Amino acid sequence: MKSGKWQATVRNRAGDRFSESFPPKAQARAWGIELETQFARGGMRDPRAGEITFREWHDRWWNARIVEPHTLRGDGSSIKNHVMPYWADWEMRAITRMDVQSWIRSLVEKGAGPAAIKRAYNLTSSLMRAAVDDDELPLGAAGNSPHWGMPSG
């Protein structure tokens, strides 16, 4: 660069560019190698990740699913009746374990049966795990926990 600094540029899996300038060449090289390592390990994400709404992510997730037509109909009904009325407008990153437990409690209070609640929970959990796998949510987010909020018993 004209300033005498060295610039390192790295791209993530989505093709987004990240650049930084440093006075010594070795520092620029070290920064680039560290960032590439973080991307390769999945430790570096787009800081805007998670801003996507539940509805937006659901639509992407739903269109990518491969299941039998009968399963698709049952899942669609569960999502329409139990999942989307509660979560549709939430940002994915805002959903916590306690929010999930509150949602399950609301389903119980509305008279949803155990099988309906379990199906709605499993679908929501699967959708959240897919968001973690696709770097829409950080590892350890609510959807990545095996005990994400489903009450025992």
N, C-alpha and C. Protein backbone atom coordinates (compact mmCIF):
# COMPACT_ATOMS: atom_id res chain seq x y z
N MET A 1 0.84 -1.16 0.00
CA MET A 1 0.00 0.00 0.00
C MET A 1 0.89 1.24 0.00
N LYS A 2 0.37 2.36 -0.50
CA LYS A 2 1.15 3.60 -0.55
C LYS A 2 1.60 4.06 0.83
N SER A 3 0.80 3.74 1.86
CA SER A 3 1.11 4.15 3.23
C SER A 3 2.29 3.37 3.83
N GLY A 4 2.73 2.35 3.14
CA GLY A 4 3.81 1.52 3.65
C GLY A 4 3.30 0.34 4.48
N LYS A 5 2.01 0.27 4.66
CA LYS A 5 1.42 -0.84 5.42
C LYS A 5 1.18 -2.03 4.50
N TRP A 6 1.01 -3.18 5.13
CA TRP A 6 0.70 -4.41 4.42
C TRP A 6 -0.75 -4.76 4.71
N GLN A 7 -1.46 -5.21 3.70
CA GLN A 7 -2.88 -5.55 3.87
C GLN A 7 -3.07 -7.05 3.67
N ALA A 8 -3.85 -7.64 4.58
CA ALA A 8 -4.22 -9.05 4.46
C ALA A 8 -5.73 -9.09 4.18
N THR A 9 -6.12 -9.95 3.27
CA THR A 9 -7.53 -10.13 2.93
C THR A 9 -7.85 -11.62 2.96
N VAL A 10 -8.95 -11.95 3.64
CA VAL A 10 -9.38 -13.34 3.79
C VAL A 10 -10.86 -13.41 3.44
N ARG A 11 -11.27 -14.50 2.83
CA ARG A 11 -12.69 -14.73 2.52
C ARG A 11 -13.22 -15.88 3.36
N ASN A 12 -14.47 -15.73 3.84
CA ASN A 12 -15.11 -16.82 4.57
C ASN A 12 -15.78 -17.77 3.58
N ARG A 13 -16.48 -18.79 4.10
CA ARG A 13 -17.13 -19.78 3.23
C ARG A 13 -18.17 -19.16 2.32
N ALA A 14 -18.80 -18.08 2.78
CA ALA A 14 -19.84 -17.42 1.99
C ALA A 14 -19.25 -16.47 0.95
N GLY A 15 -17.94 -16.28 0.97
CA GLY A 15 -17.29 -15.40 0.01
C GLY A 15 -17.14 -13.96 0.50
N ASP A 16 -17.54 -13.66 1.72
CA ASP A 16 -17.39 -12.31 2.26
C ASP A 16 -15.92 -12.03 2.50
N ARG A 17 -15.50 -10.80 2.21
CA ARG A 17 -14.10 -10.41 2.38
C ARG A 17 -13.89 -9.70 3.69
N PHE A 18 -12.75 -10.01 4.32
CA PHE A 18 -12.33 -9.35 5.55
C PHE A 18 -10.90 -8.89 5.32
N SER A 19 -10.66 -7.59 5.49
CA SER A 19 -9.32 -7.04 5.25
C SER A 19 -8.87 -6.23 6.45
N GLU A 20 -7.55 -6.22 6.64
CA GLU A 20 -6.96 -5.45 7.73
C GLU A 20 -5.56 -5.05 7.28
N SER A 21 -5.11 -3.85 7.71
CA SER A 21 -3.77 -3.36 7.36
C SER A 21 -2.89 -3.31 8.59
N PHE A 22 -1.60 -3.61 8.37
CA PHE A 22 -0.63 -3.65 9.46
C PHE A 22 0.69 -3.06 8.97
N PRO A 23 1.45 -2.41 9.88
CA PRO A 23 2.75 -1.87 9.46
C PRO A 23 3.73 -2.97 9.04
N PRO A 24 3.97 -4.01 9.88
CA PRO A 24 4.91 -5.04 9.43
C PRO A 24 4.20 -6.13 8.61
N LYS A 25 4.89 -6.58 7.61
CA LYS A 25 4.36 -7.64 6.74
C LYS A 25 4.05 -8.90 7.55
N ALA A 26 4.90 -9.25 8.50
CA ALA A 26 4.70 -10.47 9.29
C ALA A 26 3.40 -10.40 10.09
N GLN A 27 3.04 -9.23 10.58
CA GLN A 27 1.81 -9.08 11.35
C GLN A 27 0.59 -9.28 10.45
N ALA A 28 0.64 -8.76 9.24
CA ALA A 28 -0.46 -8.93 8.28
C ALA A 28 -0.62 -10.41 7.94
N ARG A 29 0.51 -11.07 7.71
CA ARG A 29 0.48 -12.50 7.37
C ARG A 29 -0.09 -13.31 8.54
N ALA A 30 0.34 -13.01 9.76
CA ALA A 30 -0.14 -13.74 10.95
C ALA A 30 -1.64 -13.53 11.14
N TRP A 31 -2.11 -12.31 10.93
CA TRP A 31 -3.55 -12.01 11.06
C TRP A 31 -4.33 -12.84 10.04
N GLY A 32 -3.86 -12.86 8.79
CA GLY A 32 -4.54 -13.61 7.74
C GLY A 32 -4.60 -15.10 8.04
N ILE A 33 -3.49 -15.65 8.51
CA ILE A 33 -3.44 -17.08 8.85
C ILE A 33 -4.38 -17.39 10.01
N GLU A 34 -4.38 -16.53 11.03
CA GLU A 34 -5.27 -16.75 12.19
C GLU A 34 -6.73 -16.71 11.77
N LEU A 35 -7.11 -15.73 10.94
CA LEU A 35 -8.50 -15.62 10.49
C LEU A 35 -8.90 -16.82 9.65
N GLU A 36 -8.03 -17.25 8.75
CA GLU A 36 -8.32 -18.44 7.94
C GLU A 36 -8.52 -19.66 8.83
N THR A 37 -7.71 -19.79 9.86
CA THR A 37 -7.83 -20.91 10.80
C THR A 37 -9.17 -20.86 11.53
N GLN A 38 -9.55 -19.67 11.97
CA GLN A 38 -10.84 -19.52 12.66
C GLN A 38 -12.00 -19.87 11.73
N PHE A 39 -11.93 -19.43 10.48
CA PHE A 39 -12.99 -19.78 9.52
C PHE A 39 -13.04 -21.28 9.30
N ALA A 40 -11.89 -21.90 9.17
CA ALA A 40 -11.83 -23.35 8.92
C ALA A 40 -12.41 -24.13 10.09
N ARG A 41 -12.18 -23.65 11.32
CA ARG A 41 -12.72 -24.32 12.51
C ARG A 41 -14.15 -23.94 12.80
N GLY A 42 -14.68 -22.97 12.09
CA GLY A 42 -16.04 -22.52 12.35
C GLY A 42 -16.12 -21.58 13.53
N GLY A 43 -14.99 -21.07 13.98
CA GLY A 43 -14.99 -20.18 15.13
C GLY A 43 -15.24 -18.73 14.79
N MET A 44 -15.26 -18.38 13.53
CA MET A 44 -15.47 -16.99 13.12
C MET A 44 -16.74 -16.94 12.27
N ARG A 45 -17.65 -16.08 12.65
CA ARG A 45 -18.91 -15.97 11.93
C ARG A 45 -19.14 -14.54 11.51
N ASP A 46 -20.05 -14.37 10.61
CA ASP A 46 -20.51 -13.04 10.21
C ASP A 46 -21.17 -12.41 11.43
N PRO A 47 -20.76 -11.21 11.83
CA PRO A 47 -21.36 -10.60 13.02
C PRO A 47 -22.86 -10.32 12.86
N ARG A 48 -23.36 -10.30 11.65
CA ARG A 48 -24.80 -10.10 11.42
C ARG A 48 -25.58 -11.40 11.55
N ALA A 49 -24.88 -12.51 11.66
CA ALA A 49 -25.56 -13.80 11.77
C ALA A 49 -26.49 -13.80 12.97
N GLY A 50 -27.63 -14.40 12.81
CA GLY A 50 -28.60 -14.46 13.89
C GLY A 50 -29.65 -13.38 13.82
N GLU A 51 -29.40 -12.35 12.99
CA GLU A 51 -30.38 -11.28 12.84
C GLU A 51 -31.58 -11.75 12.02
N ILE A 52 -31.41 -12.84 11.31
CA ILE A 52 -32.49 -13.38 10.49
C ILE A 52 -33.66 -13.75 11.40
N THR A 53 -34.86 -13.51 10.93
CA THR A 53 -36.02 -13.87 11.75
C THR A 53 -36.27 -15.36 11.67
N PHE A 54 -36.98 -15.85 12.65
CA PHE A 54 -37.35 -17.26 12.67
C PHE A 54 -38.09 -17.62 11.39
N ARG A 55 -39.03 -16.76 10.96
CA ARG A 55 -39.80 -17.03 9.74
C ARG A 55 -38.89 -17.13 8.52
N GLU A 56 -37.92 -16.21 8.39
CA GLU A 56 -37.01 -16.24 7.25
C GLU A 56 -36.17 -17.52 7.25
N TRP A 57 -35.65 -17.87 8.43
CA TRP A 57 -34.86 -19.09 8.51
C TRP A 57 -35.72 -20.31 8.26
N HIS A 58 -36.93 -20.31 8.84
CA HIS A 58 -37.85 -21.43 8.63
C HIS A 58 -38.06 -21.67 7.14
N ASP A 59 -38.31 -20.60 6.39
CA ASP A 59 -38.58 -20.75 4.96
C ASP A 59 -37.40 -21.38 4.24
N ARG A 60 -36.18 -20.99 4.57
CA ARG A 60 -34.99 -21.61 3.96
C ARG A 60 -34.88 -23.07 4.37
N TRP A 61 -35.04 -23.31 5.66
CA TRP A 61 -34.93 -24.66 6.21
C TRP A 61 -36.00 -25.57 5.62
N TRP A 62 -37.24 -25.11 5.58
CA TRP A 62 -38.36 -25.90 5.09
C TRP A 62 -38.15 -26.31 3.64
N ASN A 63 -37.71 -25.37 2.81
CA ASN A 63 -37.51 -25.65 1.39
C ASN A 63 -36.35 -26.60 1.12
N ALA A 64 -35.47 -26.78 2.10
CA ALA A 64 -34.33 -27.69 1.93
C ALA A 64 -34.61 -29.09 2.49
N ARG A 65 -35.72 -29.26 3.20
CA ARG A 65 -36.02 -30.55 3.84
C ARG A 65 -36.40 -31.60 2.81
N ILE A 66 -36.00 -32.83 3.10
CA ILE A 66 -36.38 -33.96 2.26
C ILE A 66 -37.03 -34.98 3.18
N VAL A 67 -38.35 -35.03 3.14
CA VAL A 67 -39.10 -35.97 3.96
C VAL A 67 -40.27 -36.51 3.14
N GLU A 68 -40.88 -37.56 3.63
CA GLU A 68 -42.03 -38.15 2.96
C GLU A 68 -43.21 -37.16 2.98
N PRO A 69 -44.06 -37.22 1.95
CA PRO A 69 -45.22 -36.30 1.88
C PRO A 69 -46.10 -36.34 3.14
N HIS A 70 -46.32 -37.53 3.69
CA HIS A 70 -47.14 -37.65 4.89
C HIS A 70 -46.51 -36.89 6.07
N THR A 71 -45.18 -37.05 6.21
CA THR A 71 -44.44 -36.36 7.27
C THR A 71 -44.50 -34.85 7.05
N LEU A 72 -44.33 -34.44 5.80
CA LEU A 72 -44.37 -33.02 5.46
C LEU A 72 -45.72 -32.39 5.84
N ARG A 73 -46.81 -33.10 5.59
CA ARG A 73 -48.14 -32.58 5.95
C ARG A 73 -48.28 -32.44 7.46
N GLY A 74 -47.89 -33.45 8.20
CA GLY A 74 -47.99 -33.39 9.65
C GLY A 74 -47.09 -32.32 10.25
N ASP A 75 -45.87 -32.24 9.73
CA ASP A 75 -44.95 -31.21 10.21
C ASP A 75 -45.46 -29.81 9.87
N GLY A 76 -45.99 -29.67 8.68
CA GLY A 76 -46.54 -28.37 8.27
C GLY A 76 -47.67 -27.92 9.17
N SER A 77 -48.51 -28.85 9.53
CA SER A 77 -49.62 -28.54 10.44
C SER A 77 -49.09 -28.12 11.81
N SER A 78 -48.11 -28.83 12.32
CA SER A 78 -47.53 -28.50 13.62
C SER A 78 -46.90 -27.12 13.59
N ILE A 79 -46.16 -26.84 12.56
CA ILE A 79 -45.51 -25.54 12.45
C ILE A 79 -46.54 -24.42 12.33
N LYS A 80 -47.56 -24.64 11.52
CA LYS A 80 -48.61 -23.63 11.33
C LYS A 80 -49.37 -23.35 12.62
N ASN A 81 -49.69 -24.39 13.36
CA ASN A 81 -50.55 -24.24 14.54
C ASN A 81 -49.81 -23.96 15.84
N HIS A 82 -48.59 -24.47 15.98
CA HIS A 82 -47.91 -24.36 17.26
C HIS A 82 -46.61 -23.57 17.25
N VAL A 83 -45.90 -23.59 16.14
CA VAL A 83 -44.57 -22.99 16.11
C VAL A 83 -44.60 -21.54 15.62
N MET A 84 -45.10 -21.32 14.42
CA MET A 84 -45.04 -19.99 13.83
C MET A 84 -45.85 -18.93 14.58
N PRO A 85 -47.00 -19.26 15.15
CA PRO A 85 -47.70 -18.20 15.88
C PRO A 85 -46.86 -17.58 17.01
N TYR A 86 -45.96 -18.35 17.56
CA TYR A 86 -45.15 -17.86 18.67
C TYR A 86 -43.82 -17.26 18.20
N TRP A 87 -43.11 -17.94 17.29
CA TRP A 87 -41.74 -17.59 16.96
C TRP A 87 -41.53 -16.76 15.70
N ALA A 88 -42.49 -16.66 14.83
CA ALA A 88 -42.29 -16.10 13.48
C ALA A 88 -41.45 -14.83 13.42
N ASP A 89 -41.74 -13.87 14.26
CA ASP A 89 -41.08 -12.57 14.16
C ASP A 89 -39.86 -12.40 15.06
N TRP A 90 -39.51 -13.44 15.80
CA TRP A 90 -38.33 -13.36 16.67
C TRP A 90 -37.05 -13.40 15.82
N GLU A 91 -36.01 -12.66 16.23
CA GLU A 91 -34.70 -12.85 15.63
C GLU A 91 -34.15 -14.17 16.17
N MET A 92 -33.52 -14.93 15.32
CA MET A 92 -32.99 -16.23 15.74
C MET A 92 -32.07 -16.10 16.95
N ARG A 93 -31.22 -15.10 16.94
CA ARG A 93 -30.24 -14.95 18.02
C ARG A 93 -30.87 -14.56 19.35
N ALA A 94 -32.11 -14.12 19.34
CA ALA A 94 -32.77 -13.67 20.56
C ALA A 94 -33.42 -14.81 21.34
N ILE A 95 -33.54 -15.97 20.74
CA ILE A 95 -34.25 -17.09 21.37
C ILE A 95 -33.35 -17.78 22.39
N THR A 96 -33.85 -17.83 23.63
CA THR A 96 -33.08 -18.47 24.71
C THR A 96 -33.79 -19.74 25.18
N ARG A 97 -33.08 -20.49 25.99
CA ARG A 97 -33.66 -21.72 26.56
C ARG A 97 -34.92 -21.40 27.37
N MET A 98 -34.88 -20.31 28.13
CA MET A 98 -36.04 -19.92 28.93
C MET A 98 -37.21 -19.53 28.05
N ASP A 99 -36.94 -18.91 26.91
CA ASP A 99 -38.01 -18.57 25.97
C ASP A 99 -38.68 -19.83 25.46
N VAL A 100 -37.89 -20.84 25.18
CA VAL A 100 -38.43 -22.11 24.70
C VAL A 100 -39.29 -22.75 25.78
N GLN A 101 -38.82 -22.73 27.00
CA GLN A 101 -39.61 -23.31 28.08
C GLN A 101 -40.93 -22.55 28.27
N SER A 102 -40.89 -21.23 28.12
CA SER A 102 -42.12 -20.43 28.22
C SER A 102 -43.08 -20.79 27.09
N TRP A 103 -42.54 -20.99 25.91
CA TRP A 103 -43.36 -21.38 24.76
C TRP A 103 -44.02 -22.74 25.00
N ILE A 104 -43.25 -23.69 25.50
CA ILE A 104 -43.81 -25.01 25.79
C ILE A 104 -44.90 -24.90 26.84
N ARG A 105 -44.65 -24.11 27.85
CA ARG A 105 -45.68 -23.92 28.88
C ARG A 105 -46.95 -23.31 28.29
N SER A 106 -46.80 -22.37 27.36
CA SER A 106 -47.98 -21.77 26.73
C SER A 106 -48.76 -22.81 25.92
N LEU A 107 -48.03 -23.74 25.30
CA LEU A 107 -48.70 -24.81 24.56
C LEU A 107 -49.50 -25.70 25.51
N VAL A 108 -48.90 -26.02 26.66
CA VAL A 108 -49.59 -26.83 27.67
C VAL A 108 -50.85 -26.10 28.13
N GLU A 109 -50.71 -24.82 28.43
CA GLU A 109 -51.85 -24.04 28.93
C GLU A 109 -52.96 -23.90 27.90
N LYS A 110 -52.60 -23.94 26.62
CA LYS A 110 -53.61 -23.87 25.55
C LYS A 110 -54.26 -25.22 25.29
N GLY A 111 -53.79 -26.26 25.97
CA GLY A 111 -54.41 -27.58 25.84
C GLY A 111 -53.81 -28.47 24.78
N ALA A 112 -52.63 -28.11 24.25
CA ALA A 112 -51.98 -28.98 23.27
C ALA A 112 -51.56 -30.27 23.98
N GLY A 113 -51.72 -31.39 23.32
CA GLY A 113 -51.36 -32.68 23.91
C GLY A 113 -49.86 -32.91 23.88
N PRO A 114 -49.41 -33.87 24.67
CA PRO A 114 -47.97 -34.17 24.74
C PRO A 114 -47.34 -34.50 23.39
N ALA A 115 -48.04 -35.26 22.56
CA ALA A 115 -47.48 -35.63 21.25
C ALA A 115 -47.33 -34.40 20.35
N ALA A 116 -48.32 -33.51 20.40
CA ALA A 116 -48.27 -32.29 19.59
C ALA A 116 -47.14 -31.39 20.06
N ILE A 117 -46.98 -31.29 21.38
CA ILE A 117 -45.91 -30.46 21.93
C ILE A 117 -44.55 -31.03 21.57
N LYS A 118 -44.40 -32.33 21.70
CA LYS A 118 -43.13 -32.97 21.37
C LYS A 118 -42.78 -32.76 19.89
N ARG A 119 -43.76 -32.91 19.01
CA ARG A 119 -43.50 -32.72 17.59
C ARG A 119 -43.11 -31.28 17.30
N ALA A 120 -43.82 -30.32 17.89
CA ALA A 120 -43.51 -28.90 17.68
C ALA A 120 -42.11 -28.59 18.20
N TYR A 121 -41.80 -29.11 19.37
CA TYR A 121 -40.48 -28.90 19.96
C TYR A 121 -39.39 -29.51 19.08
N ASN A 122 -39.57 -30.75 18.65
CA ASN A 122 -38.56 -31.41 17.83
C ASN A 122 -38.32 -30.67 16.52
N LEU A 123 -39.38 -30.16 15.91
CA LEU A 123 -39.23 -29.39 14.67
C LEU A 123 -38.47 -28.09 14.93
N THR A 124 -38.82 -27.41 16.00
CA THR A 124 -38.15 -26.16 16.33
C THR A 124 -36.68 -26.41 16.67
N SER A 125 -36.42 -27.45 17.41
CA SER A 125 -35.05 -27.80 17.76
C SER A 125 -34.24 -28.14 16.51
N SER A 126 -34.83 -28.89 15.60
CA SER A 126 -34.15 -29.24 14.35
C SER A 126 -33.84 -28.00 13.53
N LEU A 127 -34.79 -27.10 13.47
CA LEU A 127 -34.61 -25.85 12.73
C LEU A 127 -33.48 -25.02 13.35
N MET A 128 -33.43 -24.97 14.68
CA MET A 128 -32.38 -24.22 15.36
C MET A 128 -31.01 -24.88 15.19
N ARG A 129 -30.96 -26.20 15.25
CA ARG A 129 -29.68 -26.90 15.03
C ARG A 129 -29.16 -26.64 13.62
N ALA A 130 -30.07 -26.60 12.65
CA ALA A 130 -29.67 -26.30 11.27
C ALA A 130 -29.09 -24.89 11.17
N ALA A 131 -29.65 -23.95 11.93
CA ALA A 131 -29.12 -22.58 11.93
C ALA A 131 -27.71 -22.55 12.50
N VAL A 132 -27.45 -23.36 13.52
CA VAL A 132 -26.09 -23.45 14.08
C VAL A 132 -25.17 -24.06 13.04
N ASP A 133 -25.61 -25.14 12.40
CA ASP A 133 -24.78 -25.81 11.39
C ASP A 133 -24.46 -24.90 10.21
N ASP A 134 -25.37 -23.97 9.89
CA ASP A 134 -25.17 -23.06 8.77
C ASP A 134 -24.58 -21.72 9.19
N ASP A 135 -24.08 -21.65 10.42
CA ASP A 135 -23.45 -20.44 10.95
C ASP A 135 -24.39 -19.25 11.06
N GLU A 136 -25.68 -19.49 11.16
CA GLU A 136 -26.63 -18.42 11.45
C GLU A 136 -26.68 -18.14 12.94
N LEU A 137 -26.30 -19.12 13.73
CA LEU A 137 -26.24 -18.99 15.19
C LEU A 137 -24.91 -19.56 15.67
N PRO A 138 -24.38 -19.02 16.76
CA PRO A 138 -23.11 -19.55 17.27
C PRO A 138 -23.30 -20.91 17.92
N LEU A 139 -22.24 -21.68 17.92
CA LEU A 139 -22.24 -22.97 18.62
C LEU A 139 -22.57 -22.71 20.07
N GLY A 140 -23.45 -23.50 20.63
CA GLY A 140 -23.86 -23.28 22.01
C GLY A 140 -25.13 -22.46 22.12
N ALA A 141 -25.67 -22.04 20.99
CA ALA A 141 -26.94 -21.30 21.02
C ALA A 141 -28.04 -22.25 21.47
N ALA A 142 -29.18 -21.70 21.78
CA ALA A 142 -30.28 -22.50 22.32
C ALA A 142 -30.56 -23.74 21.48
N GLY A 143 -30.56 -23.60 20.18
CA GLY A 143 -30.90 -24.71 19.31
C GLY A 143 -29.86 -25.79 19.24
N ASN A 144 -28.68 -25.54 19.78
CA ASN A 144 -27.63 -26.53 19.71
C ASN A 144 -27.57 -27.42 20.94
N SER A 145 -28.33 -27.10 21.95
CA SER A 145 -28.27 -27.87 23.18
C SER A 145 -29.22 -29.06 23.13
N PRO A 146 -28.77 -30.25 23.54
CA PRO A 146 -29.69 -31.40 23.51
C PRO A 146 -30.81 -31.26 24.53
N HIS A 147 -30.62 -30.42 25.52
CA HIS A 147 -31.65 -30.19 26.54
C HIS A 147 -32.12 -28.75 26.43
N TRP A 148 -32.60 -28.40 25.26
CA TRP A 148 -32.86 -27.04 24.86
C TRP A 148 -34.06 -26.43 25.58
N GLY A 149 -34.76 -27.12 26.38
CA GLY A 149 -35.85 -26.50 27.07
C GLY A 149 -37.06 -27.41 27.21
N MET A 150 -37.02 -28.59 26.64
CA MET A 150 -38.14 -29.50 26.75
C MET A 150 -38.25 -29.98 28.19
N PRO A 151 -39.36 -29.73 28.82
CA PRO A 151 -39.49 -30.17 30.21
C PRO A 151 -39.46 -31.68 30.32
N SER A 152 -38.94 -32.15 31.41
CA SER A 152 -38.91 -33.61 31.62
C SER A 152 -40.23 -34.06 32.24
N GLY A 153 -40.55 -35.31 32.02
CA GLY A 153 -41.73 -35.89 32.65
C GLY A 153 -42.97 -35.79 31.90
